[in-house]
Amino acid sequence: MATIAVFLAMGGGAYAALKLPKNSVGPKQIAKNAVRSGEVKNNALNGRDIRESKLGVVPSALNAQHALSADLLGGSGPDAFARADRVVTARATARWDSSNLEIGQTVPLLNKGPFSITFNCRYAANTSGTVSVTTTAPNSSYTSSSNTGVIFGPSSPPPTMVSATVPGGDPNSDSATGGFPFALYSPSDGTYLAGHVAVFATDVGQECRALLSGISG
């Protein structure tokens, strides 16, 4: 009998140990690595339950790593590229007619800060297209491949940035520049513009065209 009582007592104690009170199991009662995937309800964990710094690279996110290493930028880092809002392009077409051959037509090409760049097309023996620049700020500077720098202001003659004239002797000929580098800077407000400007002129159609591309700031 004593043996049976001890057995029942031990059995009762063991049975009681399996009936744990609600919410009585915590980190101290769970052995390390005891909770596996099978014990976790699917989709039960959220972002607050995960330590992101311990996660590896998700296979589908490899392209993001390539982007960070500039693989998607032709091997160059972001600093090698200008912001889109700093890239400047401008086009203009001007013409002349028989009533104002020498004066021709002047049209705006680009306005940036204190600078106004205009394009003129006229006829004086042959068609000629000319790009010029004016400024509203004193001590502005203009530099190109053909000069070492010009300081000009509101009352100065407009510097000629580039000009193309159709050669004489052939009414069907035309003329084009390959693109002249230039730089403009205003110390008054820090505006600068650097790039290339090209001009095309033709007697046929009495037309001149200009193209400017550059980086501004």
C-alpha atoms as a PDB file:
ATOM      1  CA  MET A   1       0.000   0.000   0.000  1.00  0.00           C
ATOM      2  CA  ALA A   2       2.758   2.366   0.892  1.00  0.00           C
ATOM      3  CA  THR A   3       4.340   1.626  -2.439  1.00  0.00           C
ATOM      4  CA  ILE A   4       1.091   2.366  -4.286  1.00  0.00           C
ATOM      5  CA  ALA A   5       0.613   5.608  -2.344  1.00  0.00           C
ATOM      6  CA  VAL A   6       4.080   6.784  -3.264  1.00  0.00           C
ATOM      7  CA  PHE A   7       3.461   5.865  -6.867  1.00  0.00           C
ATOM      8  CA  LEU A   8       0.152   7.731  -6.904  1.00  0.00           C
ATOM      9  CA  ALA A   9       1.753  10.683  -5.232  1.00  0.00           C
ATOM     10  CA  MET A  10       4.530  10.717  -7.775  1.00  0.00           C
ATOM     11  CA  GLY A  11       2.052  10.153 -10.555  1.00  0.00           C
ATOM     12  CA  GLY A  12      -0.188  12.922  -9.271  1.00  0.00           C
ATOM     13  CA  GLY A  13       2.777  15.285  -9.051  1.00  0.00           C
ATOM     14  CA  ALA A  14       3.804  14.458 -12.589  1.00  0.00           C
ATOM     15  CA  TYR A  15       0.268  14.939 -13.771  1.00  0.00           C
ATOM     16  CA  ALA A  16       0.033  18.302 -12.045  1.00  0.00           C
ATOM     17  CA  ALA A  17       3.252  19.432 -13.723  1.00  0.00           C
ATOM     18  CA  LEU A  18       1.608  19.013 -17.124  1.00  0.00           C
ATOM     19  CA  LYS A  19      -1.285  21.287 -16.186  1.00  0.00           C
ATOM     20  CA  LEU A  20       0.504  24.654 -16.178  1.00  0.00           C
ATOM     21  CA  PRO A  21      -1.403  27.785 -15.268  1.00  0.00           C
ATOM     22  CA  LYS A  22      -2.274  30.134 -18.146  1.00  0.00           C
ATOM     23  CA  ASN A  23       0.518  32.586 -19.110  1.00  0.00           C
ATOM     24  CA  SER A  24       2.972  30.898 -16.739  1.00  0.00           C
ATOM     25  CA  VAL A  25       5.590  29.999 -19.414  1.00  0.00           C
ATOM     26  CA  GLY A  26       8.158  32.687 -20.192  1.00  0.00           C
ATOM     27  CA  PRO A  27      11.703  33.018 -21.556  1.00  0.00           C
ATOM     28  CA  LYS A  28      13.169  31.292 -18.486  1.00  0.00           C
ATOM     29  CA  GLN A  29      11.073  28.183 -19.045  1.00  0.00           C
ATOM     30  CA  ILE A  30      11.891  27.832 -22.753  1.00  0.00           C
ATOM     31  CA  ALA A  31      15.173  26.149 -23.602  1.00  0.00           C
ATOM     32  CA  LYS A  32      17.480  27.754 -26.173  1.00  0.00           C
ATOM     33  CA  ASN A  33      16.594  26.778 -29.754  1.00  0.00           C
ATOM     34  CA  ALA A  34      13.529  24.928 -28.477  1.00  0.00           C
ATOM     35  CA  VAL A  35      11.043  26.924 -30.589  1.00  0.00           C
ATOM     36  CA  ARG A  36      11.236  25.888 -34.231  1.00  0.00           C
ATOM     37  CA  SER A  37       9.355  26.847 -37.369  1.00  0.00           C
ATOM     38  CA  GLY A  38       6.771  24.155 -36.748  1.00  0.00           C
ATOM     39  CA  GLU A  39       5.826  25.708 -33.394  1.00  0.00           C
ATOM     40  CA  VAL A  40       5.267  29.172 -34.906  1.00  0.00           C
ATOM     41  CA  LYS A  41       1.925  29.920 -36.522  1.00  0.00           C
ATOM     42  CA  ASN A  42       2.241  30.915 -40.174  1.00  0.00           C
ATOM     43  CA  ASN A  43       2.201  34.691 -40.730  1.00  0.00           C
ATOM     44  CA  ALA A  44       2.039  35.242 -36.970  1.00  0.00           C
ATOM     45  CA  LEU A  45       5.235  37.353 -36.703  1.00  0.00           C
ATOM     46  CA  ASN A  46       5.450  40.997 -37.753  1.00  0.00           C
ATOM     47  CA  GLY A  47       8.212  43.546 -38.259  1.00  0.00           C
ATOM     48  CA  ARG A  48       8.523  44.311 -34.546  1.00  0.00           C
ATOM     49  CA  ASP A  49       9.341  40.640 -33.884  1.00  0.00           C
ATOM     50  CA  ILE A  50      12.266  40.575 -36.330  1.00  0.00           C
ATOM     51  CA  ARG A  51      15.756  41.993 -35.793  1.00  0.00           C
ATOM     52  CA  GLU A  52      16.493  43.203 -39.335  1.00  0.00           C
ATOM     53  CA  SER A  53      20.229  43.534 -38.729  1.00  0.00           C
ATOM     54  CA  LYS A  54      20.460  39.763 -38.342  1.00  0.00           C
ATOM     55  CA  LEU A  55      18.743  38.994 -41.648  1.00  0.00           C
ATOM     56  CA  GLY A  56      20.728  37.939 -44.692  1.00  0.00           C
ATOM     57  CA  VAL A  57      20.241  39.224 -48.231  1.00  0.00           C
ATOM     58  CA  VAL A  58      16.911  38.309 -49.745  1.00  0.00           C
ATOM     59  CA  PRO A  59      17.650  36.686 -53.146  1.00  0.00           C
ATOM     60  CA  SER A  60      15.200  38.923 -55.002  1.00  0.00           C
ATOM     61  CA  ALA A  61      16.938  42.010 -53.568  1.00  0.00           C
ATOM     62  CA  LEU A  62      20.263  41.372 -55.315  1.00  0.00           C
ATOM     63  CA  ASN A  63      19.455  44.050 -57.903  1.00  0.00           C
ATOM     64  CA  ALA A  64      19.254  46.588 -55.093  1.00  0.00           C
ATOM     65  CA  GLN A  65      22.819  45.704 -54.109  1.00  0.00           C
ATOM     66  CA  HIS A  66      23.908  46.167 -57.721  1.00  0.00           C
ATOM     67  CA  ALA A  67      22.285  49.600 -57.751  1.00  0.00           C
ATOM     68  CA  LEU A  68      24.106  50.613 -54.576  1.00  0.00           C
ATOM     69  CA  SER A  69      27.408  49.546 -56.107  1.00  0.00           C
ATOM     70  CA  ALA A  70      26.585  51.596 -59.240  1.00  0.00           C
ATOM     71  CA  ASP A  71      26.489  48.521 -61.485  1.00  0.00           C
ATOM     72  CA  LEU A  72      23.321  49.943 -63.024  1.00  0.00           C
ATOM     73  CA  LEU A  73      25.029  53.322 -63.692  1.00  0.00           C
ATOM     74  CA  GLY A  74      27.627  52.021 -66.093  1.00  0.00           C
ATOM     75  CA  GLY A  75      30.177  51.505 -63.314  1.00  0.00           C
ATOM     76  CA  SER A  76      30.118  55.176 -62.253  1.00  0.00           C
ATOM     77  CA  GLY A  77      28.939  56.476 -58.914  1.00  0.00           C
ATOM     78  CA  PRO A  78      26.061  58.959 -58.493  1.00  0.00           C
ATOM     79  CA  ASP A  79      28.509  61.873 -58.242  1.00  0.00           C
ATOM     80  CA  ALA A  80      29.469  61.325 -61.884  1.00  0.00           C
ATOM     81  CA  PHE A  81      26.001  62.381 -63.015  1.00  0.00           C
ATOM     82  CA  ALA A  82      24.317  65.790 -62.950  1.00  0.00           C
ATOM     83  CA  ARG A  83      20.857  66.217 -61.463  1.00  0.00           C
ATOM     84  CA  ALA A  84      18.113  66.470 -64.053  1.00  0.00           C
ATOM     85  CA  ASP A  85      17.183  69.987 -62.907  1.00  0.00           C
ATOM     86  CA  ARG A  86      20.707  71.186 -63.744  1.00  0.00           C
ATOM     87  CA  VAL A  87      20.752  69.882 -67.316  1.00  0.00           C
ATOM     88  CA  VAL A  88      19.895  72.646 -69.794  1.00  0.00           C
ATOM     89  CA  THR A  89      18.954  72.252 -73.455  1.00  0.00           C
ATOM     90  CA  ALA A  90      17.570  74.926 -75.768  1.00  0.00           C
ATOM     91  CA  ARG A  91      16.715  75.123 -79.473  1.00  0.00           C
ATOM     92  CA  ALA A  92      15.715  78.037 -81.645  1.00  0.00           C
ATOM     93  CA  THR A  93      14.964  78.752 -85.305  1.00  0.00           C
ATOM     94  CA  ALA A  94      15.214  82.209 -86.866  1.00  0.00           C
ATOM     95  CA  ARG A  95      14.709  83.443 -90.443  1.00  0.00           C
ATOM     96  CA  TRP A  96      15.212  86.506 -92.599  1.00  0.00           C
ATOM     97  CA  ASP A  97      13.160  87.857 -95.458  1.00  0.00           C
ATOM     98  CA  SER A  98      13.671  90.334 -98.277  1.00  0.00           C
ATOM     99  CA  SER A  99      12.264  93.251 -96.260  1.00  0.00           C
ATOM    100  CA  ASN A 100      14.942  93.131 -93.553  1.00  0.00           C
ATOM    101  CA  LEU A 101      17.963  91.310 -94.927  1.00  0.00           C
ATOM    102  CA  GLU A 102      20.541  93.121 -92.806  1.00  0.00           C
ATOM    103  CA  ILE A 103      18.435  93.121 -89.637  1.00  0.00           C
ATOM    104  CA  GLY A 104      17.000  89.642 -89.936  1.00  0.00           C
ATOM    105  CA  GLN A 105      15.074  88.010 -87.112  1.00  0.00           C
ATOM    106  CA  THR A 106      16.229  87.761 -83.488  1.00  0.00           C
ATOM    107  CA  VAL A 107      14.621  85.168 -81.203  1.00  0.00           C
ATOM    108  CA  PRO A 108      15.290  84.145 -77.576  1.00  0.00           C
ATOM    109  CA  LEU A 109      17.344  81.000 -77.102  1.00  0.00           C
ATOM    110  CA  LEU A 110      17.686  80.755 -73.303  1.00  0.00           C
ATOM    111  CA  ASN A 111      17.221  82.839 -70.135  1.00  0.00           C
ATOM    112  CA  LYS A 112      19.158  81.842 -67.023  1.00  0.00           C
ATOM    113  CA  GLY A 113      19.592  84.113 -64.011  1.00  0.00           C
ATOM    114  CA  PRO A 114      20.793  87.518 -65.249  1.00  0.00           C
ATOM    115  CA  PHE A 115      21.765  86.085 -68.655  1.00  0.00           C
ATOM    116  CA  SER A 116      19.667  86.305 -71.821  1.00  0.00           C
ATOM    117  CA  ILE A 117      20.981  84.352 -74.809  1.00  0.00           C
ATOM    118  CA  THR A 118      19.506  85.331 -78.182  1.00  0.00           C
ATOM    119  CA  PHE A 119      19.798  84.007 -81.717  1.00  0.00           C
ATOM    120  CA  ASN A 120      19.828  86.155 -84.860  1.00  0.00           C
ATOM    121  CA  CYS A 121      19.518  85.143 -88.502  1.00  0.00           C
ATOM    122  CA  ARG A 122      20.221  87.744 -91.220  1.00  0.00           C
ATOM    123  CA  TYR A 123      21.442  88.034 -94.787  1.00  0.00           C
ATOM    124  CA  ALA A 124      24.473  90.087 -95.849  1.00  0.00           C
ATOM    125  CA  ALA A 125      25.675  88.569 -99.114  1.00  0.00           C
ATOM    126  CA  ASN A 126      25.057  85.195 -97.435  1.00  0.00           C
ATOM    127  CA  THR A 127      22.978  83.852 -94.554  1.00  0.00           C
ATOM    128  CA  SER A 128      24.562  84.239 -91.135  1.00  0.00           C
ATOM    129  CA  GLY A 129      23.380  82.892 -87.774  1.00  0.00           C
ATOM    130  CA  THR A 130      24.751  84.406 -84.561  1.00  0.00           C
ATOM    131  CA  VAL A 131      24.260  83.593 -80.862  1.00  0.00           C
ATOM    132  CA  SER A 132      24.857  86.487 -78.435  1.00  0.00           C
ATOM    133  CA  VAL A 133      24.470  86.991 -74.675  1.00  0.00           C
ATOM    134  CA  THR A 134      23.450  89.956 -72.511  1.00  0.00           C
ATOM    135  CA  THR A 135      23.383  90.319 -68.736  1.00  0.00           C
ATOM    136  CA  THR A 136      21.614  92.426 -66.149  1.00  0.00           C
ATOM    137  CA  ALA A 137      24.382  91.870 -63.575  1.00  0.00           C
ATOM    138  CA  PRO A 138      27.648  93.854 -63.473  1.00  0.00           C
ATOM    139  CA  ASN A 139      31.033  92.106 -63.708  1.00  0.00           C
ATOM    140  CA  SER A 140      29.571  89.055 -65.422  1.00  0.00           C
ATOM    141  CA  SER A 141      32.116  86.865 -67.173  1.00  0.00           C
ATOM    142  CA  TYR A 142      32.028  84.979 -70.446  1.00  0.00           C
ATOM    143  CA  THR A 143      34.657  82.468 -71.519  1.00  0.00           C
ATOM    144  CA  SER A 144      34.830  80.370 -74.667  1.00  0.00           C
ATOM    145  CA  SER A 145      37.306  78.381 -76.697  1.00  0.00           C
ATOM    146  CA  SER A 146      38.146  81.510 -78.710  1.00  0.00           C
ATOM    147  CA  ASN A 147      38.937  83.869 -75.809  1.00  0.00           C
ATOM    148  CA  THR A 148      40.407  83.802 -72.327  1.00  0.00           C
ATOM    149  CA  GLY A 149      37.498  85.601 -70.731  1.00  0.00           C
ATOM    150  CA  VAL A 150      35.374  88.717 -71.149  1.00  0.00           C
ATOM    151  CA  ILE A 151      33.973  90.819 -68.312  1.00  0.00           C
ATOM    152  CA  PHE A 152      30.745  92.547 -69.317  1.00  0.00           C
ATOM    153  CA  GLY A 153      27.699  94.186 -67.793  1.00  0.00           C
ATOM    154  CA  PRO A 154      24.276  95.647 -68.629  1.00  0.00           C
ATOM    155  CA  SER A 155      25.736  98.484 -70.712  1.00  0.00           C
ATOM    156  CA  SER A 156      28.395  96.389 -72.482  1.00  0.00           C
ATOM    157  CA  PRO A 157      28.112  95.260 -76.113  1.00  0.00           C
ATOM    158  CA  PRO A 158      26.687  91.725 -76.181  1.00  0.00           C
ATOM    159  CA  PRO A 159      29.499  89.181 -76.570  1.00  0.00           C
ATOM    160  CA  THR A 160      29.112  86.917 -79.586  1.00  0.00           C
ATOM    161  CA  MET A 161      29.144  83.313 -78.433  1.00  0.00           C
ATOM    162  CA  VAL A 162      29.173  81.660 -81.873  1.00  0.00           C
ATOM    163  CA  SER A 163      28.424  82.544 -85.486  1.00  0.00           C
ATOM    164  CA  ALA A 164      28.066  80.582 -88.720  1.00  0.00           C
ATOM    165  CA  THR A 165      27.980  82.125 -92.218  1.00  0.00           C
ATOM    166  CA  VAL A 166      27.159  80.333 -95.454  1.00  0.00           C
ATOM    167  CA  PRO A 167      30.139  80.394 -97.860  1.00  0.00           C
ATOM    168  CA  GLY A 168      29.682  82.618-100.912  1.00  0.00           C
ATOM    169  CA  GLY A 169      29.299  81.462-104.493  1.00  0.00           C
ATOM    170  CA  ASP A 170      26.788  78.657-103.972  1.00  0.00           C
ATOM    171  CA  PRO A 171      23.180  79.589-103.106  1.00  0.00           C
ATOM    172  CA  ASN A 172      22.446  75.970-102.209  1.00  0.00           C
ATOM    173  CA  SER A 173      25.301  75.609 -99.725  1.00  0.00           C
ATOM    174  CA  ASP A 174      25.038  75.765 -95.969  1.00  0.00           C
ATOM    175  CA  SER A 175      27.237  76.214 -92.913  1.00  0.00           C
ATOM    176  CA  ALA A 176      27.329  74.649 -89.461  1.00  0.00           C
ATOM    177  CA  THR A 177      29.505  74.866 -86.385  1.00  0.00           C
ATOM    178  CA  GLY A 178      30.593  71.718 -84.591  1.00  0.00           C
ATOM    179  CA  GLY A 179      29.697  73.125 -81.189  1.00  0.00           C
ATOM    180  CA  PHE A 180      31.691  75.690 -79.259  1.00  0.00           C
ATOM    181  CA  PRO A 181      32.320  75.285 -75.510  1.00  0.00           C
ATOM    182  CA  PHE A 182      31.468  78.259 -73.321  1.00  0.00           C
ATOM    183  CA  ALA A 183      31.030  79.305 -69.677  1.00  0.00           C
ATOM    184  CA  LEU A 184      29.026  82.151 -68.129  1.00  0.00           C
ATOM    185  CA  TYR A 185      29.247  83.291 -64.514  1.00  0.00           C
ATOM    186  CA  SER A 186      27.605  86.052 -62.480  1.00  0.00           C
ATOM    187  CA  PRO A 187      29.266  86.876 -59.121  1.00  0.00           C
ATOM    188  CA  SER A 188      26.172  88.875 -58.148  1.00  0.00           C
ATOM    189  CA  ASP A 189      23.989  85.817 -57.575  1.00  0.00           C
ATOM    190  CA  GLY A 190      26.309  82.888 -58.295  1.00  0.00           C
ATOM    191  CA  THR A 191      24.565  81.859 -61.511  1.00  0.00           C
ATOM    192  CA  TYR A 192      26.742  79.843 -63.856  1.00  0.00           C
ATOM    193  CA  LEU A 193      26.101  78.071 -67.123  1.00  0.00           C
ATOM    194  CA  ALA A 194      28.619  75.946 -68.995  1.00  0.00           C
ATOM    195  CA  GLY A 195      28.193  73.850 -72.107  1.00  0.00           C
ATOM    196  CA  HIS A 196      28.244  73.854 -75.903  1.00  0.00           C
ATOM    197  CA  VAL A 197      26.370  75.902 -78.490  1.00  0.00           C
ATOM    198  CA  ALA A 198      26.111  75.099 -82.196  1.00  0.00           C
ATOM    199  CA  VAL A 199      24.626  76.996 -85.153  1.00  0.00           C
ATOM    200  CA  PHE A 200      23.399  75.908 -88.572  1.00  0.00           C
ATOM    201  CA  ALA A 201      22.702  78.394 -91.366  1.00  0.00           C
ATOM    202  CA  THR A 202      21.429  77.974 -94.918  1.00  0.00           C
ATOM    203  CA  ASP A 203      20.406  80.224 -97.806  1.00  0.00           C
ATOM    204  CA  VAL A 204      17.784  77.658 -98.786  1.00  0.00           C
ATOM    205  CA  GLY A 205      14.663  78.507 -96.826  1.00  0.00           C
ATOM    206  CA  GLN A 206      16.354  81.627 -95.401  1.00  0.00           C
ATOM    207  CA  GLU A 207      16.801  79.777 -92.132  1.00  0.00           C
ATOM    208  CA  CYS A 208      19.159  79.523 -89.170  1.00  0.00           C
ATOM    209  CA  ARG A 209      19.000  77.047 -86.292  1.00  0.00           C
ATOM    210  CA  ALA A 210      20.772  76.973 -82.948  1.00  0.00           C
ATOM    211  CA  LEU A 211      21.248  74.277 -80.322  1.00  0.00           C
ATOM    212  CA  LEU A 212      22.590  74.818 -76.799  1.00  0.00           C
ATOM    213  CA  SER A 213      23.264  72.197 -74.148  1.00  0.00           C
ATOM    214  CA  GLY A 214      24.911  72.642 -70.784  1.00  0.00           C
ATOM    215  CA  ILE A 215      24.944  72.398 -67.007  1.00  0.00           C
ATOM    216  CA  SER A 216      23.565  75.246 -64.904  1.00  0.00           C
ATOM    217  CA  GLY A 217      23.712  76.250 -61.276  1.00  0.00           C
END
